[in-house]
């Protein structure tokens, strides 16, 4: 081949390569989101829009520079598995989920597509094989885990200060997710023992069972209730608040988002900031970083939130020292 012809072929190949790279780099990413509740419940919650707003803050605008494919399994394990496979088959470039059943279903469906998770505990992330270590996840999944064990002790200590004389505490769990129940029971049992309190576990999974269970808690002579950090309860905040008030039971929620609904108090990481962290990790991966290199993050900031209207309805006076320590008060 003559030198001029060779250079022409080489130049054409180079131009094609640059064009192909440009086309590939301009591809609109598809983010698959595996929620945990029903579509009706999830769309009614602010964090559904929060996710999109946070992506937009990085320049990823829905249907312009990013596309979303969403599934809503309504807390049903068979649908978690089905929808995880559907999101993989849809060609998602990134997968997001907010609870343990969701991330396990996604991990089972793909070892290639990056997964960013929220709502797990460090123990479950490790014991399930989801990550090799918290510092170096090593696979296709990383994200944000819940607080360490000592936060639960502090939460129960705050509750004890709020309700002088508390001796028996109820823990409300959803039995449909045994791994979460085991961890939450372990954490709260340790925290209760450290504070000289007896813990009793009660179960609920929907409005009907919530309404059945709270009177049983009263009959068991429990002085208050702590709600386990499980996804289903986030979507039942109003129902839990109504039952707690009707049965006159002081109740502590697992997140700040429970308190505006009428739950008395929470001490926890701020959910809004956790969602920002979830999206920030997703964006870093979309821009070229590997999930295997991004350490699993623990929460670093916690908020104590009170609902004084609920306290008044329960004839509770929040001690001044406890109230002064509050980061936010709802009146």
Protein backbone atom coordinates (compact mmCIF):
# COMPACT_ATOMS: atom_id res chain seq x y z
CA UNK A 1 0.00 0.00 0.00
CA UNK A 2 1.27 3.47 -0.88
CA UNK A 3 2.14 5.78 1.98
CA UNK A 4 -0.57 8.32 0.98
CA UNK A 5 -3.22 5.61 0.77
CA UNK A 6 -2.08 4.16 4.09
CA UNK A 7 -2.31 7.55 5.80
CA UNK A 8 -5.76 8.02 4.31
CA UNK A 9 -6.94 4.71 5.71
CA UNK A 10 -5.30 5.47 9.08
CA UNK A 11 -6.87 8.91 9.19
CA UNK A 12 -10.28 7.47 8.39
CA UNK A 13 -9.92 4.84 11.11
CA UNK A 14 -8.83 7.48 13.62
CA UNK A 15 -11.75 9.72 12.73
CA UNK A 16 -14.14 6.78 13.10
CA UNK A 17 -12.59 5.96 16.50
CA UNK A 18 -13.03 9.52 17.74
CA UNK A 19 -16.61 9.60 16.46
CA UNK A 20 -17.38 6.30 18.16
CA UNK A 21 -15.88 7.55 21.42
CA UNK A 22 -17.86 10.78 21.21
CA UNK A 23 -21.05 8.85 20.55
CA UNK A 24 -20.33 6.54 23.47
CA UNK A 25 -19.52 9.42 25.84
CA UNK A 26 -22.71 11.24 24.87
CA UNK A 27 -24.87 8.20 25.62
CA UNK A 28 -27.56 9.11 28.12
CA UNK A 29 -27.07 6.90 31.20
CA UNK A 30 -29.95 4.74 32.32
CA UNK A 31 -30.34 4.48 36.10
CA UNK A 32 -32.44 1.62 37.42
CA UNK A 33 -34.04 2.24 40.81
CA UNK A 34 -35.46 -0.63 42.85
CA UNK A 35 -37.67 0.96 45.48
CA UNK A 36 -39.24 -1.17 48.21
CA UNK A 37 -42.87 -0.06 48.63
CA UNK A 38 -45.81 0.18 46.27
CA UNK A 39 -45.73 2.76 43.50
CA UNK A 40 -48.51 4.74 45.18
CA UNK A 41 -46.64 4.89 48.49
CA UNK A 42 -43.23 5.67 47.03
CA UNK A 43 -44.43 8.44 44.74
CA UNK A 44 -46.15 10.09 47.71
CA UNK A 45 -42.86 10.32 49.62
CA UNK A 46 -40.46 13.23 49.16
CA UNK A 47 -37.34 11.11 48.67
CA UNK A 48 -38.60 9.91 45.29
CA UNK A 49 -38.26 13.46 43.99
CA UNK A 50 -35.16 14.02 46.16
CA UNK A 51 -33.25 11.44 44.13
CA UNK A 52 -34.04 13.22 40.88
CA UNK A 53 -33.31 16.65 42.34
CA UNK A 54 -29.93 15.49 43.59
CA UNK A 55 -28.99 14.04 40.21
CA UNK A 56 -30.10 17.31 38.63
CA UNK A 57 -27.75 19.23 40.92
CA UNK A 58 -24.90 17.38 39.18
CA UNK A 59 -26.28 18.21 35.73
CA UNK A 60 -28.21 14.98 35.18
CA UNK A 61 -31.64 16.15 34.08
CA UNK A 62 -34.44 13.58 33.73
CA UNK A 63 -35.12 12.57 30.11
CA UNK A 64 -32.41 14.95 28.87
CA UNK A 65 -29.07 13.88 30.30
CA UNK A 66 -30.26 10.89 32.32
CA UNK A 67 -33.07 8.33 32.11
CA UNK A 68 -34.74 6.39 34.91
CA UNK A 69 -36.22 2.92 34.96
CA UNK A 70 -38.06 2.25 38.23
CA UNK A 71 -39.67 -0.74 39.88
CA UNK A 72 -41.89 -0.94 42.97
CA UNK A 73 -41.95 -4.43 44.59
CA UNK A 74 -44.34 -3.52 47.43
CA UNK A 75 -42.17 -5.38 49.97
CA UNK A 76 -42.74 -8.73 48.19
CA UNK A 77 -39.67 -10.94 47.82
CA UNK A 78 -40.75 -12.54 44.54
CA UNK A 79 -41.18 -9.08 43.03
CA UNK A 80 -37.78 -7.94 44.29
CA UNK A 81 -36.19 -10.79 42.34
CA UNK A 82 -38.36 -10.29 39.25
CA UNK A 83 -37.83 -6.53 39.10
CA UNK A 84 -34.10 -6.80 39.71
CA UNK A 85 -33.83 -9.04 36.65
CA UNK A 86 -36.00 -6.64 34.64
CA UNK A 87 -33.76 -3.68 35.48
CA UNK A 88 -30.69 -5.61 34.39
CA UNK A 89 -32.40 -6.70 31.17
CA UNK A 90 -33.40 -3.08 30.49
CA UNK A 91 -29.70 -2.24 30.11
CA UNK A 92 -29.27 -0.11 33.20
CA UNK A 93 -25.86 1.53 33.57
CA UNK A 94 -26.36 1.98 37.31
CA UNK A 95 -28.62 0.38 39.90
CA UNK A 96 -29.87 2.02 43.09
CA UNK A 97 -31.77 0.47 46.01
CA UNK A 98 -32.78 1.45 49.52
CA UNK A 99 -33.10 -1.76 51.52
CA UNK A 100 -31.52 -5.14 52.17
CA UNK A 101 -33.90 -7.35 50.12
CA UNK A 102 -33.47 -4.98 47.18
CA UNK A 103 -29.70 -4.98 47.12
CA UNK A 104 -29.52 -8.75 47.57
CA UNK A 105 -31.90 -9.22 44.63
CA UNK A 106 -29.82 -6.87 42.48
CA UNK A 107 -26.58 -8.56 43.47
CA UNK A 108 -28.07 -11.91 42.51
CA UNK A 109 -29.15 -10.49 39.15
CA UNK A 110 -25.80 -8.99 38.13
CA UNK A 111 -22.13 -9.02 39.07
CA UNK A 112 -21.30 -6.46 36.38
CA UNK A 113 -23.57 -3.41 36.68
CA UNK A 114 -22.61 -1.03 39.51
CA UNK A 115 -24.98 -1.09 42.50
CA UNK A 116 -25.24 1.72 45.07
CA UNK A 117 -27.23 0.93 48.20
CA UNK A 118 -28.73 2.67 51.20
CA UNK A 119 -30.51 1.30 54.26
CA UNK A 120 -28.25 -1.62 55.15
CA UNK A 121 -26.26 -2.25 58.28
CA UNK A 122 -22.52 -2.90 58.12
CA UNK A 123 -23.02 -6.40 59.53
CA UNK A 124 -25.54 -7.36 56.84
CA UNK A 125 -23.38 -5.88 54.07
CA UNK A 126 -20.48 -8.08 55.18
CA UNK A 127 -22.31 -11.25 56.23
CA UNK A 128 -24.29 -11.39 52.99
CA UNK A 129 -21.12 -11.23 50.90
CA UNK A 130 -22.30 -8.02 49.31
CA UNK A 131 -18.90 -6.42 49.95
CA UNK A 132 -15.53 -7.99 50.78
CA UNK A 133 -14.70 -5.25 53.25
CA UNK A 134 -16.12 -1.86 54.17
CA UNK A 135 -12.92 -0.06 53.16
CA UNK A 136 -12.50 -1.93 49.86
CA UNK A 137 -15.83 -3.41 48.71
CA UNK A 138 -14.09 -5.28 45.91
CA UNK A 139 -17.12 -6.06 43.76
CA UNK A 140 -19.83 -4.17 41.91
CA UNK A 141 -21.63 -2.81 44.98
CA UNK A 142 -21.00 -0.03 47.47
CA UNK A 143 -23.03 2.56 49.32
CA UNK A 144 -24.05 3.85 52.71
CA UNK A 145 -24.77 1.74 55.78
CA UNK A 146 -26.68 2.58 58.91
CA UNK A 147 -25.27 3.70 62.26
CA UNK A 148 -23.02 1.61 64.46
CA UNK A 149 -24.26 -0.23 67.52
CA UNK A 150 -23.43 2.57 69.99
CA UNK A 151 -26.01 4.89 68.42
CA UNK A 152 -28.79 2.56 69.56
CA UNK A 153 -27.57 2.76 73.16
CA UNK A 154 -27.59 6.54 73.00
CA UNK A 155 -31.08 6.53 71.45
CA UNK A 156 -32.47 4.37 74.27
CA UNK A 157 -30.67 6.53 76.83
CA UNK A 158 -32.41 9.63 75.40
CA UNK A 159 -35.75 7.83 75.51
CA UNK A 160 -35.11 6.90 79.14
CA UNK A 161 -34.43 10.56 80.00
CA UNK A 162 -37.61 11.56 78.22
CA UNK A 163 -39.78 9.02 80.07
CA UNK A 164 -38.58 8.82 83.67
CA UNK A 165 -39.20 5.46 85.29
CA UNK A 166 -39.31 3.52 82.02
CA UNK A 167 -38.62 -0.14 82.79
CA UNK A 168 -40.11 -2.04 79.84
CA UNK A 169 -39.72 -1.11 76.21
CA UNK A 170 -41.40 -2.57 73.12
CA UNK A 171 -39.50 -3.05 69.86
CA UNK A 172 -41.73 -3.12 66.78
CA UNK A 173 -40.39 -5.19 63.87
CA UNK A 174 -41.62 -6.42 60.52
CA UNK A 175 -41.17 -10.23 60.56
CA UNK A 176 -41.11 -10.50 56.76
CA UNK A 177 -37.38 -9.65 56.65
CA UNK A 178 -35.75 -11.97 59.24
CA UNK A 179 -32.20 -10.69 58.69
CA UNK A 180 -33.23 -7.16 59.58
CA UNK A 181 -35.28 -8.35 62.54
CA UNK A 182 -32.31 -10.26 63.96
CA UNK A 183 -29.98 -7.27 63.71
CA UNK A 184 -32.43 -4.72 65.08
CA UNK A 185 -33.38 -7.03 67.96
CA UNK A 186 -29.72 -7.59 68.79
CA UNK A 187 -28.90 -3.87 68.72
CA UNK A 188 -31.89 -2.80 70.79
CA UNK A 189 -31.57 -5.67 73.27
CA UNK A 190 -27.97 -4.65 73.96
CA UNK A 191 -28.99 -0.99 74.26
CA UNK A 192 -31.90 -1.79 76.60
CA UNK A 193 -29.72 -3.95 78.87
CA UNK A 194 -27.11 -1.19 79.06
CA UNK A 195 -29.85 1.16 80.28
CA UNK A 196 -31.43 -1.27 82.75
CA UNK A 197 -34.56 -1.74 80.62
CA UNK A 198 -36.39 -4.92 79.64
CA UNK A 199 -37.07 -5.27 75.91
CA UNK A 200 -40.05 -7.07 74.39
CA UNK A 201 -40.43 -7.65 70.66
CA UNK A 202 -43.74 -7.18 68.80
CA UNK A 203 -44.55 -7.66 65.13
CA UNK A 204 -46.45 -5.64 62.53
CA UNK A 205 -46.32 -5.38 58.76
CA UNK A 206 -49.28 -3.19 57.69
CA UNK A 207 -52.02 -0.92 59.06
CA UNK A 208 -54.18 -3.84 60.19
CA UNK A 209 -51.42 -5.51 62.21
CA UNK A 210 -50.24 -2.14 63.58
CA UNK A 211 -53.75 -1.50 64.93
CA UNK A 212 -53.80 -4.99 66.46
CA UNK A 213 -50.32 -4.82 67.97
CA UNK A 214 -50.32 -1.48 69.80
CA UNK A 215 -53.08 -2.54 72.25
CA UNK A 216 -51.04 -5.69 72.95
CA UNK A 217 -48.07 -3.47 73.81
CA UNK A 218 -50.28 -1.59 76.28
CA UNK A 219 -51.48 -4.88 77.78
CA UNK A 220 -47.86 -5.97 78.22
CA UNK A 221 -47.35 -2.83 80.32
CA UNK A 222 -44.61 -1.43 78.12
CA UNK A 223 -43.74 2.20 78.84
CA UNK A 224 -42.88 3.08 75.26
CA UNK A 225 -42.09 1.80 71.76
CA UNK A 226 -39.06 1.93 69.50
CA UNK A 227 -39.64 1.27 65.80
CA UNK A 228 -37.12 -0.91 63.99
CA UNK A 229 -35.20 0.61 61.10
CA UNK A 230 -36.98 -1.31 58.32
CA UNK A 231 -38.15 0.03 54.98
CA UNK A 232 -41.80 -0.94 55.37
CA UNK A 233 -42.20 1.29 58.43
CA UNK A 234 -41.05 4.38 56.55
CA UNK A 235 -44.10 3.99 54.33
CA UNK A 236 -46.37 3.47 57.36
CA UNK A 237 -45.34 6.55 59.32
CA UNK A 238 -48.84 8.03 59.50
CA UNK A 239 -50.41 4.75 60.57
CA UNK A 240 -47.77 4.23 63.26
CA UNK A 241 -48.24 7.77 64.59
CA UNK A 242 -52.01 7.37 64.78
CA UNK A 243 -51.73 4.07 66.65
CA UNK A 244 -49.12 5.44 69.06
CA UNK A 245 -51.26 8.47 69.91
CA UNK A 246 -54.51 6.50 70.16
CA UNK A 247 -52.91 4.05 72.58
CA UNK A 248 -51.01 6.84 74.36
CA UNK A 249 -47.62 5.22 73.89
CA UNK A 250 -44.49 7.39 73.62
CA UNK A 251 -42.73 6.18 70.48
CA UNK A 252 -39.26 6.66 69.02
CA UNK A 253 -38.84 6.47 65.25
CA UNK A 254 -35.76 5.17 63.41
CA UNK A 255 -35.38 8.38 61.38
CA UNK A 256 -36.10 12.09 61.54
CA UNK A 257 -38.80 11.74 58.85
CA UNK A 258 -41.08 9.98 61.36
CA UNK A 259 -41.38 12.92 63.72
CA UNK A 260 -43.36 15.33 61.49
CA UNK A 261 -45.92 12.54 61.06
CA UNK A 262 -46.57 12.54 64.82
CA UNK A 263 -43.97 10.18 66.27
CA UNK A 264 -42.65 11.67 69.52
CA UNK A 265 -38.88 11.58 69.00
CA UNK A 266 -36.01 10.31 66.88
CA UNK A 267 -32.27 10.20 67.20
CA UNK A 268 -30.72 9.15 63.93
CA UNK A 269 -28.77 10.11 60.83
CA UNK A 270 -30.60 12.67 58.67
CA UNK A 271 -32.31 10.76 55.85
CA UNK A 272 -32.11 13.70 53.44
CA UNK A 273 -28.33 13.81 53.77
CA UNK A 274 -28.13 10.06 53.25
CA UNK A 275 -29.98 10.35 49.96
CA UNK A 276 -27.54 13.06 48.87
CA UNK A 277 -24.73 10.65 49.70
CA UNK A 278 -26.38 7.86 47.70
CA UNK A 279 -26.67 10.03 44.59
CA UNK A 280 -23.16 11.45 45.04
CA UNK A 281 -21.70 7.93 44.96
CA UNK A 282 -23.82 7.07 41.92
CA UNK A 283 -22.55 10.15 40.06
CA UNK A 284 -18.94 9.36 40.90
CA UNK A 285 -19.39 5.91 39.40
CA UNK A 286 -21.15 7.27 36.32
CA UNK A 287 -18.14 9.53 35.83
CA UNK A 288 -15.68 6.67 35.87
CA UNK A 289 -14.88 5.58 39.42
CA UNK A 290 -15.29 1.92 40.36
CA UNK A 291 -17.63 0.76 43.13
CA UNK A 292 -14.95 -1.71 44.21
CA UNK A 293 -12.73 1.25 45.17
CA UNK A 294 -15.32 3.39 46.95
CA UNK A 295 -15.47 2.60 50.69
CA UNK A 296 -18.81 1.90 52.29
CA UNK A 297 -19.76 5.02 54.25
CA UNK A 298 -21.09 5.32 57.78
CA UNK A 299 -23.23 8.28 58.84
CA UNK A 300 -21.24 11.05 60.54
CA UNK A 301 -24.00 13.43 61.61
CA UNK A 302 -26.98 12.63 63.84
CA UNK A 303 -30.00 14.69 64.80
CA UNK A 304 -32.25 14.64 67.83
CA UNK A 305 -35.78 15.69 66.83
CA UNK A 306 -38.86 16.16 69.04
CA UNK A 307 -42.54 16.65 68.27
CA UNK A 308 -43.81 18.89 71.08
CA UNK A 309 -47.39 18.64 69.88
CA UNK A 310 -47.22 14.88 70.37
CA UNK A 311 -45.59 15.35 73.77
CA UNK A 312 -48.46 17.61 74.84
CA UNK A 313 -51.04 15.08 73.59
CA UNK A 314 -49.33 12.42 75.75
CA UNK A 315 -49.09 14.79 78.75
CA UNK A 316 -45.31 14.51 78.64
CA UNK A 317 -43.01 17.32 79.62
CA UNK A 318 -39.71 17.22 77.78
CA UNK A 319 -36.94 17.87 80.35
CA UNK A 320 -35.23 21.22 79.66
CA UNK A 321 -31.78 19.64 79.33
CA UNK A 322 -33.07 17.13 76.78
CA UNK A 323 -34.95 19.84 74.89
CA UNK A 324 -31.85 22.03 74.80
CA UNK A 325 -29.94 19.16 73.22
CA UNK A 326 -32.48 18.88 70.39
CA UNK A 327 -31.34 19.75 66.89
CA UNK A 328 -34.90 20.30 65.72
CA UNK A 329 -38.23 20.79 67.49
CA UNK A 330 -41.60 20.43 65.78
CA UNK A 331 -44.33 22.47 67.51
